[in-house]
Amino acid sequence: MPAHLPQIESKQSGENPVLPRLETIGVIGAGVMCVGLAHALAQSGLRTLLIDVSDSILESALGQIRNNVRFQRLFHKDRGAAPEEILGRIKVSSGYDILRDADFVIENVTEKLTIKAEVYSRLDAICPSQCIFAANTSAIPITRIGAMTRRPEQVLGMHFMNPVPLKTAVEVIRGYHTSDDTIATATRLLSLMGKKPIVVNDSPGFVSNRVLMLTINEAIFLVQEKVAEPQVVDDIFKNCFEHKMGPLETADLIGLDTILLSIEVLYDEFKDSKFRACPLLRQMVDAGLCGRKSGRGFYTYED
């Protein structure tokens, strides 16, 4: 099991540091999480640059944001900008060149180090020297991500939860080299978005997913062993503990493929058998039953 790293004295820009401006925010990835993230950023008045490898994925993302804004206004007629105003703040691209003027970049690509290393190499080469990188990772240590760059003191974790526009808090992770100025700038960004930062130190899975992934994985074992059906497992958590969602509903929302990748990262990092992925989880991912995004997981969803 990896030892807890001692916190070194944070690097700061001076006695009265001038924190970077926050006008243009890059978002890497246009999946479910980043659709909500781009929506929340643009809704907060920030110029948002949304990047993915496929133009069709980006067009779909813009369509989802448009629908989400309209849905939001339907229930809050006195709140929020018009869809056209919010979408007007979002620029999409399949290339990274638009990040040359970015003040802050939030990365949310798949939980694979090789893919993340390629992304951060490109970000390091294109983004301005003062730009901060935030990893919206589920389990990969932030210190390791910082080591992929030439600016580890400007790298931190920002673990947003789905659906981003409706969540009021964000888990913020300080890596070994993350500076106080970087934490302060991330806090300022979250304040602009109307969200509360909860700062923790670096560890695989941090606080939220180190606990949540174990809970979800054990809930899947209960289904595999026929102790209870998915609905029953979730009902116990919702009715006995008054959770808003049960662990299997949460798994479907996050995506079972993401759950599996996160569990595998935790197992690789800690080498502890308690993080052994449930065989049923692997089988469902192999079968393409990944939850809401695929239309079927532990529950069936209509488009």
Protein backbone atom coordinates (compact mmCIF):
# COMPACT_ATOMS: atom_id res chain seq x y z
CA MET A 1 0.00 0.00 0.00
CA PRO A 2 1.45 3.39 -0.94
CA ALA A 3 2.52 5.51 2.01
CA HIS A 4 0.90 8.87 2.57
CA LEU A 5 3.15 11.55 1.15
CA PRO A 6 4.10 14.36 3.52
CA GLN A 7 2.94 17.77 2.37
CA ILE A 8 5.79 20.04 1.35
CA GLU A 9 5.69 23.78 1.75
CA SER A 10 3.58 25.13 -1.09
CA LYS A 11 5.14 27.28 -3.77
CA GLN A 12 3.66 30.74 -3.94
CA SER A 13 4.19 33.67 -6.24
CA GLY A 14 5.03 36.16 -3.51
CA GLU A 15 3.70 37.84 -0.40
CA ASN A 16 0.82 39.35 -2.36
CA PRO A 17 0.37 37.02 -5.30
CA VAL A 18 -1.61 38.15 -8.33
CA LEU A 19 -3.78 35.19 -9.15
CA PRO A 20 -4.40 34.33 -12.83
CA ARG A 21 -7.44 35.77 -14.53
CA LEU A 22 -10.40 33.46 -15.02
CA GLU A 23 -12.12 34.31 -18.28
CA THR A 24 -11.51 31.37 -20.62
CA ILE A 25 -11.88 27.79 -19.37
CA GLY A 26 -10.98 24.73 -21.41
CA VAL A 27 -12.80 21.42 -20.96
CA ILE A 28 -11.22 18.26 -22.39
CA GLY A 29 -13.80 15.62 -23.22
CA ALA A 30 -17.45 15.97 -24.22
CA GLY A 31 -19.04 13.01 -22.46
CA VAL A 32 -21.86 13.12 -19.93
CA MET A 33 -19.76 14.75 -17.19
CA CYS A 34 -18.27 17.40 -19.48
CA VAL A 35 -21.64 18.30 -20.98
CA GLY A 36 -22.76 19.26 -17.48
CA LEU A 37 -19.43 20.96 -16.76
CA ALA A 38 -19.48 23.08 -19.94
CA HIS A 39 -23.11 23.98 -19.19
CA ALA A 40 -22.26 25.07 -15.63
CA LEU A 41 -19.23 27.11 -16.73
CA ALA A 42 -21.06 28.92 -19.53
CA GLN A 43 -24.06 29.50 -17.27
CA SER A 44 -21.65 31.23 -14.87
CA GLY A 45 -20.66 33.73 -17.58
CA LEU A 46 -17.34 32.08 -18.49
CA ARG A 47 -16.06 31.58 -22.02
CA THR A 48 -15.89 27.81 -22.39
CA LEU A 49 -13.77 25.82 -24.86
CA LEU A 50 -15.07 22.25 -25.24
CA ILE A 51 -12.73 19.76 -26.92
CA ASP A 52 -13.21 16.19 -28.09
CA VAL A 53 -11.82 14.00 -30.85
CA SER A 54 -15.03 13.84 -32.88
CA ASP A 55 -17.14 16.61 -34.42
CA SER A 56 -20.22 14.41 -34.10
CA ILE A 57 -19.62 14.00 -30.35
CA LEU A 58 -19.27 17.78 -30.01
CA GLU A 59 -22.47 18.43 -31.94
CA SER A 60 -24.28 15.93 -29.75
CA ALA A 61 -22.86 17.66 -26.65
CA LEU A 62 -24.16 21.05 -27.79
CA GLY A 63 -27.58 19.51 -28.41
CA GLN A 64 -27.62 18.02 -24.91
CA ILE A 65 -26.60 21.35 -23.35
CA ARG A 66 -29.35 23.14 -25.30
CA ASN A 67 -31.94 20.64 -24.07
CA ASN A 68 -30.65 20.77 -20.49
CA VAL A 69 -30.81 24.58 -20.40
CA ARG A 70 -34.37 24.57 -21.75
CA PHE A 71 -35.37 21.91 -19.23
CA GLN A 72 -33.79 23.91 -16.42
CA ARG A 73 -35.63 27.10 -17.45
CA LEU A 74 -38.91 25.19 -17.66
CA PHE A 75 -38.75 24.62 -13.91
CA HIS A 76 -37.02 27.91 -13.01
CA LYS A 77 -38.61 30.50 -15.29
CA ASP A 78 -37.14 33.39 -13.31
CA ARG A 79 -33.58 32.06 -13.32
CA GLY A 80 -30.75 31.67 -15.81
CA ALA A 81 -29.78 33.00 -19.19
CA ALA A 82 -31.48 32.00 -22.43
CA PRO A 83 -30.15 28.87 -24.18
CA GLU A 84 -28.75 30.99 -27.03
CA GLU A 85 -26.79 33.16 -24.59
CA ILE A 86 -25.29 30.17 -22.78
CA LEU A 87 -24.46 28.30 -25.99
CA GLY A 88 -22.92 31.51 -27.37
CA ARG A 89 -20.25 31.27 -24.65
CA ILE A 90 -19.26 27.73 -25.69
CA LYS A 91 -16.82 27.09 -28.52
CA VAL A 92 -16.20 23.50 -29.61
CA SER A 93 -13.19 22.05 -31.40
CA SER A 94 -11.57 18.72 -32.21
CA GLY A 95 -8.15 20.41 -31.98
CA TYR A 96 -6.20 21.81 -29.03
CA ASP A 97 -5.03 25.05 -30.67
CA ILE A 98 -7.97 27.03 -29.28
CA LEU A 99 -6.45 26.54 -25.81
CA ARG A 100 -3.62 29.00 -26.52
CA ASP A 101 -5.52 31.66 -24.55
CA ALA A 102 -6.96 29.38 -21.84
CA ASP A 103 -6.63 30.50 -18.23
CA PHE A 104 -7.69 27.17 -16.71
CA VAL A 105 -8.19 23.70 -18.22
CA ILE A 106 -10.27 20.86 -16.76
CA GLU A 107 -9.42 17.43 -18.15
CA ASN A 108 -11.91 14.57 -18.09
CA VAL A 109 -10.70 11.86 -20.46
CA THR A 110 -10.91 8.14 -19.79
CA GLU A 111 -9.17 6.66 -16.73
CA LYS A 112 -6.10 5.38 -18.59
CA LEU A 113 -2.66 6.80 -17.85
CA THR A 114 -1.40 6.43 -21.42
CA ILE A 115 -4.27 8.52 -22.76
CA LYS A 116 -3.93 11.12 -20.01
CA ALA A 117 -0.15 11.39 -20.58
CA GLU A 118 -0.75 12.21 -24.24
CA VAL A 119 -3.35 14.83 -23.35
CA TYR A 120 -1.13 16.58 -20.79
CA SER A 121 1.83 16.58 -23.17
CA ARG A 122 -0.30 18.50 -25.68
CA LEU A 123 -1.69 20.83 -23.03
CA ASP A 124 1.79 21.62 -21.72
CA ALA A 125 2.97 22.55 -25.21
CA ILE A 126 -0.03 24.70 -26.17
CA CYS A 127 -1.42 26.36 -23.04
CA PRO A 128 0.12 29.59 -21.63
CA SER A 129 2.66 29.16 -18.85
CA GLN A 130 0.29 30.55 -16.20
CA CYS A 131 -2.58 28.19 -17.16
CA ILE A 132 -3.71 25.77 -14.43
CA PHE A 133 -4.58 22.14 -15.16
CA ALA A 134 -7.33 20.41 -13.16
CA ALA A 135 -7.85 16.66 -13.48
CA ASN A 136 -11.45 15.54 -13.06
CA THR A 137 -10.25 11.97 -12.52
CA SER A 138 -12.04 9.28 -10.55
CA ALA A 139 -9.06 7.58 -8.92
CA ILE A 140 -5.66 8.33 -10.50
CA PRO A 141 -3.34 10.16 -8.06
CA ILE A 142 -2.96 13.87 -8.83
CA THR A 143 0.76 13.79 -8.02
CA ARG A 144 1.28 11.31 -10.85
CA ILE A 145 -0.68 13.48 -13.25
CA GLY A 146 1.34 16.54 -12.21
CA ALA A 147 4.53 14.62 -13.02
CA MET A 148 3.35 14.38 -16.64
CA THR A 149 3.75 18.15 -16.99
CA ARG A 150 6.42 20.81 -16.67
CA ARG A 151 4.20 22.67 -14.17
CA PRO A 152 3.29 20.22 -11.34
CA GLU A 153 2.71 23.11 -8.91
CA GLN A 154 -0.14 24.23 -11.23
CA VAL A 155 -1.88 20.85 -11.30
CA LEU A 156 -4.67 19.80 -8.94
CA GLY A 157 -7.68 17.54 -8.85
CA MET A 158 -11.25 18.84 -9.15
CA HIS A 159 -13.66 15.95 -8.75
CA PHE A 160 -17.04 17.11 -10.01
CA MET A 161 -20.14 14.95 -9.51
CA ASN A 162 -23.03 14.31 -11.88
CA PRO A 163 -25.14 16.21 -12.76
CA VAL A 164 -22.64 19.06 -12.46
CA PRO A 165 -25.06 22.03 -12.71
CA LEU A 166 -27.10 20.71 -9.77
CA LYS A 167 -24.29 19.78 -7.37
CA THR A 168 -23.27 22.39 -4.80
CA ALA A 169 -19.81 21.08 -3.80
CA VAL A 170 -16.65 19.77 -5.49
CA GLU A 171 -13.89 17.59 -4.03
CA VAL A 172 -10.60 19.44 -4.61
CA ILE A 173 -7.40 17.40 -4.39
CA ARG A 174 -4.00 18.86 -3.54
CA GLY A 175 -1.12 16.96 -5.16
CA TYR A 176 2.36 16.77 -3.63
CA HIS A 177 3.55 19.87 -5.54
CA THR A 178 0.25 21.77 -5.86
CA SER A 179 0.76 25.38 -4.77
CA ASP A 180 -1.49 27.44 -2.51
CA ASP A 181 -2.02 29.86 -5.41
CA THR A 182 -3.34 27.00 -7.55
CA ILE A 183 -5.79 25.97 -4.81
CA ALA A 184 -6.85 29.62 -4.38
CA THR A 185 -7.48 30.02 -8.12
CA ALA A 186 -9.50 26.80 -8.28
CA THR A 187 -11.51 27.97 -5.25
CA ARG A 188 -12.21 31.26 -7.03
CA LEU A 189 -13.40 29.42 -10.13
CA LEU A 190 -15.74 27.24 -8.09
CA SER A 191 -17.06 30.34 -6.34
CA LEU A 192 -17.92 31.84 -9.73
CA MET A 193 -19.83 28.62 -10.45
CA GLY A 194 -21.66 28.81 -7.11
CA LYS A 195 -19.94 25.71 -5.74
CA LYS A 196 -18.18 24.97 -2.47
CA PRO A 197 -14.67 23.45 -2.58
CA ILE A 198 -13.85 20.65 -0.14
CA VAL A 199 -10.05 20.25 -0.12
CA VAL A 200 -8.34 16.91 0.59
CA ASN A 201 -4.80 15.58 0.16
CA ASP A 202 -3.79 13.23 -2.62
CA SER A 203 -4.48 9.50 -2.46
CA PRO A 204 -5.79 7.03 -5.08
CA GLY A 205 -9.55 7.55 -5.21
CA PHE A 206 -9.25 10.52 -2.80
CA VAL A 207 -12.09 10.41 -0.22
CA SER A 208 -15.20 10.09 -2.36
CA ASN A 209 -14.30 7.28 -4.73
CA ARG A 210 -12.13 5.33 -2.32
CA VAL A 211 -15.33 4.81 -0.31
CA LEU A 212 -17.96 4.93 -3.08
CA MET A 213 -16.31 2.41 -5.42
CA LEU A 214 -16.04 -0.14 -2.62
CA THR A 215 -19.73 0.37 -1.81
CA ILE A 216 -20.83 -0.02 -5.43
CA ASN A 217 -18.60 -3.06 -6.00
CA GLU A 218 -19.95 -4.78 -2.88
CA ALA A 219 -23.53 -3.98 -3.93
CA ILE A 220 -22.83 -5.72 -7.26
CA PHE A 221 -21.49 -8.77 -5.38
CA LEU A 222 -24.83 -8.90 -3.51
CA VAL A 223 -26.70 -9.02 -6.83
CA GLN A 224 -24.31 -11.64 -8.23
CA GLU A 225 -24.79 -13.81 -5.13
CA LYS A 226 -28.58 -13.39 -5.43
CA VAL A 227 -28.82 -11.92 -1.94
CA ALA A 228 -31.08 -9.19 -3.34
CA GLU A 229 -32.27 -7.73 -6.64
CA PRO A 230 -30.87 -4.31 -7.68
CA GLN A 231 -34.13 -2.55 -6.75
CA VAL A 232 -34.03 -4.04 -3.25
CA VAL A 233 -30.39 -3.07 -2.68
CA ASP A 234 -31.13 0.51 -3.71
CA ASP A 235 -34.35 0.67 -1.69
CA ILE A 236 -32.44 -0.17 1.48
CA PHE A 237 -30.04 2.73 0.95
CA LYS A 238 -32.81 5.16 -0.02
CA ASN A 239 -35.36 4.20 2.62
CA CYS A 240 -33.17 3.09 5.52
CA PHE A 241 -30.31 5.58 5.13
CA GLU A 242 -32.32 8.25 3.26
CA HIS A 243 -29.79 8.44 0.42
CA LYS A 244 -31.15 10.19 -2.67
CA MET A 245 -29.91 7.35 -4.88
CA GLY A 246 -28.91 3.76 -4.20
CA PRO A 247 -25.43 2.46 -5.09
CA LEU A 248 -26.57 0.64 -8.23
CA GLU A 249 -28.56 3.62 -9.52
CA THR A 250 -25.41 5.67 -8.88
CA ALA A 251 -23.33 3.12 -10.80
CA ASP A 252 -25.67 3.37 -13.79
CA LEU A 253 -25.44 7.17 -13.69
CA ILE A 254 -21.63 7.20 -13.54
CA GLY A 255 -21.27 4.40 -16.11
CA LEU A 256 -20.29 0.82 -15.29
CA ASP A 257 -17.25 1.05 -17.57
CA THR A 258 -16.01 4.04 -15.54
CA ILE A 259 -16.72 2.14 -12.30
CA LEU A 260 -14.64 -0.81 -13.53
CA LEU A 261 -11.72 1.39 -14.59
CA SER A 262 -11.77 3.15 -11.21
CA ILE A 263 -11.85 -0.11 -9.26
CA GLU A 264 -8.94 -1.40 -11.35
CA VAL A 265 -6.92 1.75 -10.60
CA LEU A 266 -7.57 1.32 -6.86
CA TYR A 267 -6.57 -2.35 -7.00
CA ASP A 268 -3.37 -1.54 -8.90
CA GLU A 269 -2.47 1.26 -6.49
CA PHE A 270 -3.17 -0.48 -3.17
CA LYS A 271 -2.68 -4.13 -4.15
CA ASP A 272 -5.47 -4.91 -1.69
CA SER A 273 -7.96 -7.68 -2.48
CA LYS A 274 -10.84 -5.60 -1.14
CA PHE A 275 -10.65 -3.68 -4.44
CA ARG A 276 -11.08 -6.82 -6.57
CA ALA A 277 -13.68 -6.03 -9.23
CA CYS A 278 -16.85 -8.13 -9.06
CA PRO A 279 -17.03 -10.61 -12.00
CA LEU A 280 -20.61 -9.51 -12.71
CA LEU A 281 -19.36 -5.93 -13.18
CA ARG A 282 -16.78 -7.12 -15.74
CA GLN A 283 -19.38 -9.23 -17.53
CA MET A 284 -21.85 -6.34 -17.80
CA VAL A 285 -19.17 -4.01 -19.20
CA ASP A 286 -18.12 -6.70 -21.70
CA ALA A 287 -21.77 -6.99 -22.75
CA GLY A 288 -22.04 -3.22 -23.29
CA LEU A 289 -24.45 -2.76 -20.37
CA CYS A 290 -22.84 0.43 -19.07
CA GLY A 291 -25.84 2.16 -17.51
CA ARG A 292 -27.72 5.25 -18.57
CA LYS A 293 -25.41 6.15 -21.45
CA SER A 294 -25.94 2.76 -23.10
CA GLY A 295 -29.64 2.54 -22.24
CA ARG A 296 -29.24 -0.44 -19.94
CA GLY A 297 -27.28 -1.34 -16.83
CA PHE A 298 -28.84 -2.56 -13.62
CA TYR A 299 -31.95 -0.78 -14.91
CA THR A 300 -33.34 -0.10 -18.38
CA TYR A 301 -33.58 3.50 -19.62
CA GLU A 302 -35.60 4.99 -22.44
CA ASP A 303 -33.98 7.71 -24.54
